[in-house]
Amino acid sequence: MAQLAIEDLRRILIACAGEDDSLDLTGDILDSTFEDLGYDSLALMESAARIKQEYGIDLSDDDIADVETPRALLALVNTNTASAAV
């Protein structure tokens, strides 16, 4: 199963941002908090649903609530991807 890369996560985050055109996800966002990036819990839940749809990885609400940065979300998804492949 393919690993989620930052470019893929960036695309998903932009798609799930709603109508907020002020979000800037260019540059190094890996260690920025989702709060600093302008994401609320609803946008993250939508991102998790999109990840499940595209990658088949089901992230719990608790897991999503605990991740604070794109780097943490990538690690969570890719750990679950590796576990699913075993």
Protein backbone atom coordinates (compact mmCIF):
# COMPACT_ATOMS: atom_id res chain seq x y z
CA MET A 1 0.00 0.00 0.00
CA ALA A 2 1.33 3.45 -0.92
CA GLN A 3 2.66 5.75 1.77
CA LEU A 4 1.10 9.16 2.16
CA ALA A 5 3.59 11.86 1.12
CA ILE A 6 3.49 15.52 2.10
CA GLU A 7 2.34 16.47 -1.41
CA ASP A 8 -0.62 14.11 -1.08
CA LEU A 9 -1.46 15.40 2.39
CA ARG A 10 -1.19 19.00 1.16
CA ARG A 11 -3.66 18.20 -1.65
CA ILE A 12 -6.08 16.57 0.80
CA LEU A 13 -5.83 19.44 3.27
CA ILE A 14 -6.54 22.00 0.55
CA ALA A 15 -9.53 19.98 -0.68
CA CYS A 16 -10.94 19.78 2.85
CA ALA A 17 -10.37 23.43 3.74
CA GLY A 18 -13.79 24.47 2.55
CA GLU A 19 -14.13 27.92 1.13
CA ASP A 20 -11.28 29.50 3.08
CA ASP A 21 -8.97 30.80 0.38
CA SER A 22 -6.70 32.46 2.91
CA LEU A 23 -4.97 29.19 3.84
CA ASP A 24 -1.38 29.04 2.73
CA LEU A 25 0.00 25.53 2.65
CA THR A 26 3.06 26.31 0.54
CA GLY A 27 6.52 25.92 1.98
CA ASP A 28 7.54 23.79 4.92
CA ILE A 29 4.37 23.06 6.87
CA LEU A 30 5.42 19.76 8.43
CA ASP A 31 5.91 21.15 11.93
CA SER A 32 3.31 23.91 11.85
CA THR A 33 0.32 23.22 14.04
CA PHE A 34 -2.99 22.67 12.34
CA GLU A 35 -4.32 25.54 14.42
CA ASP A 36 -1.63 27.86 12.99
CA LEU A 37 -2.51 26.63 9.50
CA GLY A 38 -6.13 27.56 10.08
CA TYR A 39 -7.56 24.06 10.45
CA ASP A 40 -10.23 23.25 12.96
CA SER A 41 -11.36 19.83 14.12
CA LEU A 42 -14.06 19.62 11.46
CA ALA A 43 -11.56 20.19 8.65
CA LEU A 44 -9.30 17.52 10.14
CA MET A 45 -12.20 15.06 10.38
CA GLU A 46 -12.97 15.74 6.71
CA SER A 47 -9.31 15.17 5.90
CA ALA A 48 -9.41 11.85 7.77
CA ALA A 49 -12.48 10.82 5.78
CA ARG A 50 -10.66 11.69 2.56
CA ILE A 51 -7.61 9.68 3.68
CA LYS A 52 -9.87 6.70 4.38
CA GLN A 53 -11.50 7.06 0.97
CA GLU A 54 -8.22 7.31 -0.94
CA TYR A 55 -5.89 5.13 1.14
CA GLY A 56 -8.22 2.80 3.02
CA ILE A 57 -6.79 3.89 6.36
CA ASP A 58 -9.42 4.34 9.04
CA LEU A 59 -8.22 6.86 11.63
CA SER A 60 -10.14 7.11 14.88
CA ASP A 61 -11.60 10.38 16.09
CA ASP A 62 -9.26 10.18 19.10
CA ASP A 63 -6.23 9.76 16.83
CA ILE A 64 -7.22 12.77 14.76
CA ALA A 65 -7.83 14.84 17.89
CA ASP A 66 -4.33 14.03 19.13
CA VAL A 67 -2.34 14.97 16.02
CA GLU A 68 -1.20 18.57 16.05
CA THR A 69 1.00 18.85 12.95
CA PRO A 70 1.10 17.53 9.39
CA ARG A 71 4.25 15.56 10.34
CA ALA A 72 2.31 13.79 13.11
CA LEU A 73 -0.59 13.06 10.76
CA LEU A 74 1.76 11.65 8.11
CA ALA A 75 3.39 9.41 10.72
CA LEU A 76 0.01 8.23 11.97
CA VAL A 77 -1.25 7.42 8.47
CA ASN A 78 1.96 5.77 7.34
CA THR A 79 2.22 3.67 10.50
CA ASN A 80 -1.33 2.44 9.86
CA THR A 81 -0.47 1.85 6.19
CA ALA A 82 2.53 -0.28 7.16
CA SER A 83 0.42 -2.23 9.67
CA ALA A 84 -2.27 -2.85 7.06
CA ALA A 85 0.32 -4.21 4.63
CA VAL A 86 1.53 -6.90 7.08
